[in-house]
């Protein structure tokens, strides 16, 4: 397969699957090319980070996984979660959701509601051809058209609630997402994370807020200063600046203005 092949030509549609991540992994093992995207009408075992279940019934949203075979160093692969976040937000802004912002490391928020989520899985890291799966879930349907699980009722947001929903919203969102993913991935692969940082900084949902994080270093509370050139969250604490590589973050409150 030519490296110049558009990712739009590599989309594979399915009706119901357990998880698009699982299908994409199987296709990758069978030799599917870099840039292949698996899209499902519904998932009965869709998953988010830390083993959480992703609510993904038919008609409610866009559930997709893109498989990549990156040539960058292993130490850089964790940045692909941020690259996917930038691409997903670029897509949503293009569709009219201009108030949407990035929550480090993997969510798209509008105020206090979640519009989209991202899941990154890496495989074959001990081989010469690592595999990375980029999972994206975008809520499309209005909340009042769904039977939402109680645990997400207060934080669910569908794209149709904030933009004028066309009949082909799913297809438009899919094609826009794939174009943005391909553009942002190629930008990162050639130039690294630096060109994407200004967009992140402009749309940082956590910046300037007091947060509480459960990270590798333990419990951290402080004020978010943004992310650094490696994509690590920078948090100002009484002891100094902490750089968080991965973890769960809760936004507590903004810093009071003078």
Protein backbone atom coordinates (compact mmCIF):
# COMPACT_ATOMS: atom_id res chain seq x y z
CA UNK A 1 0.00 0.00 0.00
CA UNK A 2 1.40 3.37 -0.96
CA UNK A 3 2.24 5.75 1.87
CA UNK A 4 0.40 8.44 -0.07
CA UNK A 5 -2.91 6.52 0.09
CA UNK A 6 -5.52 8.70 1.78
CA UNK A 7 -6.79 7.37 5.07
CA UNK A 8 -10.32 8.11 3.85
CA UNK A 9 -9.97 5.22 1.42
CA UNK A 10 -9.06 2.83 4.25
CA UNK A 11 -12.25 3.10 6.32
CA UNK A 12 -13.94 -0.19 7.21
CA UNK A 13 -17.55 -0.06 8.38
CA UNK A 14 -19.16 -2.58 10.72
CA UNK A 15 -22.61 -2.86 12.25
CA UNK A 16 -22.25 -4.09 15.82
CA UNK A 17 -18.90 -5.05 17.32
CA UNK A 18 -17.62 -5.72 20.80
CA UNK A 19 -15.07 -2.93 20.41
CA UNK A 20 -13.55 -1.14 17.43
CA UNK A 21 -10.20 -1.42 19.26
CA UNK A 22 -10.44 -5.22 19.18
CA UNK A 23 -11.44 -5.33 15.51
CA UNK A 24 -8.63 -2.96 14.56
CA UNK A 25 -6.08 -5.06 16.43
CA UNK A 26 -7.24 -8.19 14.62
CA UNK A 27 -7.05 -6.44 11.25
CA UNK A 28 -3.58 -5.17 12.09
CA UNK A 29 -2.43 -8.69 12.88
CA UNK A 30 -3.79 -9.73 9.47
CA UNK A 31 -1.70 -7.04 7.78
CA UNK A 32 -4.08 -4.08 7.47
CA UNK A 33 -2.15 -0.98 6.37
CA UNK A 34 -1.19 2.07 8.35
CA UNK A 35 -4.11 4.50 8.46
CA UNK A 36 -6.89 1.89 8.41
CA UNK A 37 -9.92 2.99 10.44
CA UNK A 38 -12.59 0.73 11.91
CA UNK A 39 -16.01 2.34 12.40
CA UNK A 40 -18.96 0.64 14.08
CA UNK A 41 -22.63 1.55 14.31
CA UNK A 42 -22.60 0.31 17.90
CA UNK A 43 -20.31 -1.38 20.42
CA UNK A 44 -21.47 -3.72 23.15
CA UNK A 45 -18.13 -3.66 24.97
CA UNK A 46 -16.73 -0.27 24.07
CA UNK A 47 -14.06 0.85 26.49
CA UNK A 48 -12.37 3.97 27.72
CA UNK A 49 -9.27 4.49 29.81
CA UNK A 50 -8.59 2.44 32.95
CA UNK A 51 -11.04 -0.28 31.93
CA UNK A 52 -14.10 1.94 31.94
CA UNK A 53 -17.08 1.15 29.70
CA UNK A 54 -17.88 3.59 26.89
CA UNK A 55 -21.59 4.09 26.28
CA UNK A 56 -21.93 3.46 22.55
CA UNK A 57 -25.37 2.29 21.37
CA UNK A 58 -26.53 2.48 17.77
CA UNK A 59 -27.21 5.99 16.55
CA UNK A 60 -25.70 7.72 19.58
CA UNK A 61 -22.29 8.62 18.26
CA UNK A 62 -19.17 8.02 16.22
CA UNK A 63 -17.02 5.12 17.42
CA UNK A 64 -13.78 4.63 15.52
CA UNK A 65 -10.29 3.21 15.87
CA UNK A 66 -7.41 4.04 13.55
CA UNK A 67 -4.40 1.73 13.42
CA UNK A 68 -0.95 3.21 12.95
CA UNK A 69 2.47 1.78 12.33
CA UNK A 70 4.65 4.73 13.42
CA UNK A 71 8.33 5.01 12.61
CA UNK A 72 9.09 7.43 15.46
CA UNK A 73 11.03 6.38 18.55
CA UNK A 74 9.24 4.37 21.23
CA UNK A 75 9.68 7.19 23.72
CA UNK A 76 7.56 9.45 21.52
CA UNK A 77 4.62 7.12 21.02
CA UNK A 78 2.81 8.23 24.17
CA UNK A 79 2.47 11.66 22.54
CA UNK A 80 0.01 10.20 20.06
CA UNK A 81 -2.76 10.55 22.63
CA UNK A 82 -2.23 14.31 22.59
CA UNK A 83 -1.94 14.32 18.79
CA UNK A 84 -5.28 12.53 18.61
CA UNK A 85 -6.78 15.05 21.02
CA UNK A 86 -5.65 17.95 18.85
CA UNK A 87 -6.99 16.22 15.73
CA UNK A 88 -10.34 15.43 17.36
CA UNK A 89 -10.78 18.98 18.63
CA UNK A 90 -9.81 20.35 15.19
CA UNK A 91 -12.55 18.15 13.76
CA UNK A 92 -15.14 19.35 16.28
CA UNK A 93 -14.25 22.99 15.72
CA UNK A 94 -14.68 22.44 11.98
CA UNK A 95 -18.15 21.06 12.67
CA UNK A 96 -19.11 24.15 14.68
CA UNK A 97 -18.36 23.12 18.26
CA UNK A 98 -16.07 26.07 18.81
CA UNK A 99 -16.57 26.10 22.59
CA UNK A 100 -15.08 22.61 22.96
CA UNK A 101 -11.72 22.34 24.75
CA UNK A 102 -9.02 19.78 25.52
CA UNK A 103 -8.78 18.11 28.90
CA UNK A 104 -5.38 16.50 29.39
CA UNK A 105 -4.77 13.72 28.58
CA UNK A 106 -7.74 12.31 26.70
CA UNK A 107 -11.08 14.14 26.82
CA UNK A 108 -12.91 16.84 24.88
CA UNK A 109 -15.04 19.03 27.14
CA UNK A 110 -17.67 21.73 26.76
CA UNK A 111 -17.88 23.47 30.11
CA UNK A 112 -18.35 20.54 32.51
CA UNK A 113 -19.73 18.04 30.01
CA UNK A 114 -17.86 15.45 28.00
CA UNK A 115 -18.28 15.56 24.24
CA UNK A 116 -15.60 13.07 23.18
CA UNK A 117 -12.98 10.73 24.55
CA UNK A 118 -9.77 9.16 23.33
CA UNK A 119 -8.11 5.83 24.05
CA UNK A 120 -4.55 4.96 23.04
CA UNK A 121 -3.24 1.39 22.98
CA UNK A 122 0.26 0.35 21.95
CA UNK A 123 1.27 -3.19 20.97
CA UNK A 124 4.36 -5.00 19.67
CA UNK A 125 6.67 -2.51 21.37
CA UNK A 126 9.41 -5.14 21.57
CA UNK A 127 9.40 -5.57 17.79
CA UNK A 128 10.71 -3.50 14.90
CA UNK A 129 7.16 -2.61 13.85
CA UNK A 130 5.17 -1.24 16.80
CA UNK A 131 1.42 -0.88 16.45
CA UNK A 132 -0.62 1.95 17.93
CA UNK A 133 -4.42 2.00 18.05
CA UNK A 134 -6.12 5.38 18.32
CA UNK A 135 -9.68 5.05 19.61
CA UNK A 136 -12.02 8.04 19.35
CA UNK A 137 -15.59 8.25 20.62
CA UNK A 138 -17.65 11.33 19.79
CA UNK A 139 -21.12 11.73 21.28
CA UNK A 140 -23.48 12.86 18.53
CA UNK A 141 -27.07 12.36 19.73
CA UNK A 142 -28.93 14.72 22.05
CA UNK A 143 -29.13 13.51 25.63
CA UNK A 144 -32.94 13.59 25.68
CA UNK A 145 -33.09 11.04 22.84
CA UNK A 146 -31.12 8.42 24.79
CA UNK A 147 -31.48 6.27 27.89
CA UNK A 148 -28.25 7.31 29.51
CA UNK A 149 -26.63 5.28 32.28
CA UNK A 150 -27.02 7.13 35.61
CA UNK A 151 -23.26 7.56 36.03
CA UNK A 152 -22.95 9.75 32.91
CA UNK A 153 -26.29 11.58 32.91
CA UNK A 154 -24.86 14.77 34.40
CA UNK A 155 -21.79 14.94 32.17
CA UNK A 156 -22.94 13.64 28.77
CA UNK A 157 -23.12 16.06 25.83
CA UNK A 158 -24.01 15.25 22.23
CA UNK A 159 -22.72 17.25 19.29
CA UNK A 160 -26.29 17.72 18.00
CA UNK A 161 -27.03 19.77 21.13
CA UNK A 162 -24.54 22.49 20.22
CA UNK A 163 -24.40 22.51 16.41
CA UNK A 164 -27.06 22.40 13.74
CA UNK A 165 -27.38 18.68 13.18
CA UNK A 166 -27.53 17.59 9.57
CA UNK A 167 -28.96 14.24 8.54
CA UNK A 168 -25.48 13.10 7.57
CA UNK A 169 -23.81 14.31 10.80
CA UNK A 170 -22.22 10.91 11.40
CA UNK A 171 -20.64 10.73 7.96
CA UNK A 172 -19.54 14.35 8.06
CA UNK A 173 -17.98 13.88 11.49
CA UNK A 174 -16.24 10.68 10.40
CA UNK A 175 -14.69 12.14 7.25
CA UNK A 176 -13.66 15.34 9.03
CA UNK A 177 -12.09 13.35 11.86
CA UNK A 178 -10.09 11.12 9.52
CA UNK A 179 -8.78 14.09 7.53
CA UNK A 180 -7.76 15.84 10.75
CA UNK A 181 -6.12 12.70 12.13
CA UNK A 182 -4.11 12.19 8.99
CA UNK A 183 -3.00 15.83 8.86
CA UNK A 184 -2.05 16.06 12.53
CA UNK A 185 -0.34 12.66 12.56
CA UNK A 186 1.83 13.53 9.56
CA UNK A 187 2.66 16.86 11.14
CA UNK A 188 3.76 15.10 14.34
CA UNK A 189 5.64 12.33 12.49
CA UNK A 190 7.70 14.88 10.57
CA UNK A 191 8.07 17.73 13.05
CA UNK A 192 7.29 16.35 16.49
CA UNK A 193 4.86 17.70 19.05
CA UNK A 194 6.02 21.32 19.02
CA UNK A 195 3.84 22.58 16.09
CA UNK A 196 0.73 21.25 17.86
CA UNK A 197 1.40 22.89 21.22
CA UNK A 198 0.01 26.38 20.40
CA UNK A 199 -3.36 24.87 19.44
CA UNK A 200 -3.41 22.88 22.68
CA UNK A 201 -2.53 25.96 24.74
CA UNK A 202 -5.32 27.97 23.11
CA UNK A 203 -7.87 25.28 24.00
CA UNK A 204 -6.61 23.98 27.35
CA UNK A 205 -9.59 23.20 29.62
CA UNK A 206 -7.35 22.74 32.68
CA UNK A 207 -4.94 25.67 32.36
CA UNK A 208 -5.18 28.10 35.29
CA UNK A 209 -7.34 25.74 37.35
CA UNK A 210 -6.55 24.05 40.62
CA UNK A 211 -6.55 20.31 39.97
CA UNK A 212 -6.12 17.11 41.92
CA UNK A 213 -4.25 14.36 40.10
CA UNK A 214 -3.59 10.71 40.78
CA UNK A 215 -0.27 10.18 39.02
CA UNK A 216 2.82 7.97 39.05
CA UNK A 217 4.24 10.30 41.70
CA UNK A 218 1.19 9.89 43.94
CA UNK A 219 -1.49 12.45 44.77
CA UNK A 220 -0.74 15.93 43.43
CA UNK A 221 -2.73 19.12 43.91
CA UNK A 222 -1.84 22.44 42.34
CA UNK A 223 -2.41 24.93 39.55
CA UNK A 224 -2.10 23.78 35.94
CA UNK A 225 0.44 25.79 33.96
CA UNK A 226 -0.14 23.95 30.66
CA UNK A 227 1.84 21.16 29.02
CA UNK A 228 5.53 21.06 28.15
CA UNK A 229 7.29 20.11 24.91
CA UNK A 230 6.97 16.41 25.80
CA UNK A 231 3.23 16.64 26.39
CA UNK A 232 3.52 16.34 30.17
CA UNK A 233 1.08 18.26 32.35
CA UNK A 234 2.79 21.03 34.31
CA UNK A 235 1.37 21.61 37.78
CA UNK A 236 2.56 24.32 40.16
CA UNK A 237 2.50 23.05 43.75
CA UNK A 238 3.80 24.60 46.98
CA UNK A 239 6.91 22.43 46.55
CA UNK A 240 7.56 23.55 42.97
CA UNK A 241 6.54 22.46 39.46
CA UNK A 242 5.55 18.82 38.92
CA UNK A 243 5.54 17.22 35.46
CA UNK A 244 2.86 14.53 35.14
CA UNK A 245 3.38 11.95 32.39
CA UNK A 246 0.15 10.06 32.95
CA UNK A 247 -2.67 10.02 35.45
CA UNK A 248 -6.25 10.90 36.29
CA UNK A 249 -7.02 14.59 36.73
CA UNK A 250 -9.95 16.29 38.42
CA UNK A 251 -10.49 20.00 37.86
CA UNK A 252 -11.42 21.57 41.18
CA UNK A 253 -11.76 25.34 40.73
CA UNK A 254 -10.28 28.25 38.81
CA UNK A 255 -7.77 30.59 40.43
CA UNK A 256 -9.66 33.62 41.80
CA UNK A 257 -9.05 36.72 39.71
CA UNK A 258 -7.82 39.83 41.54
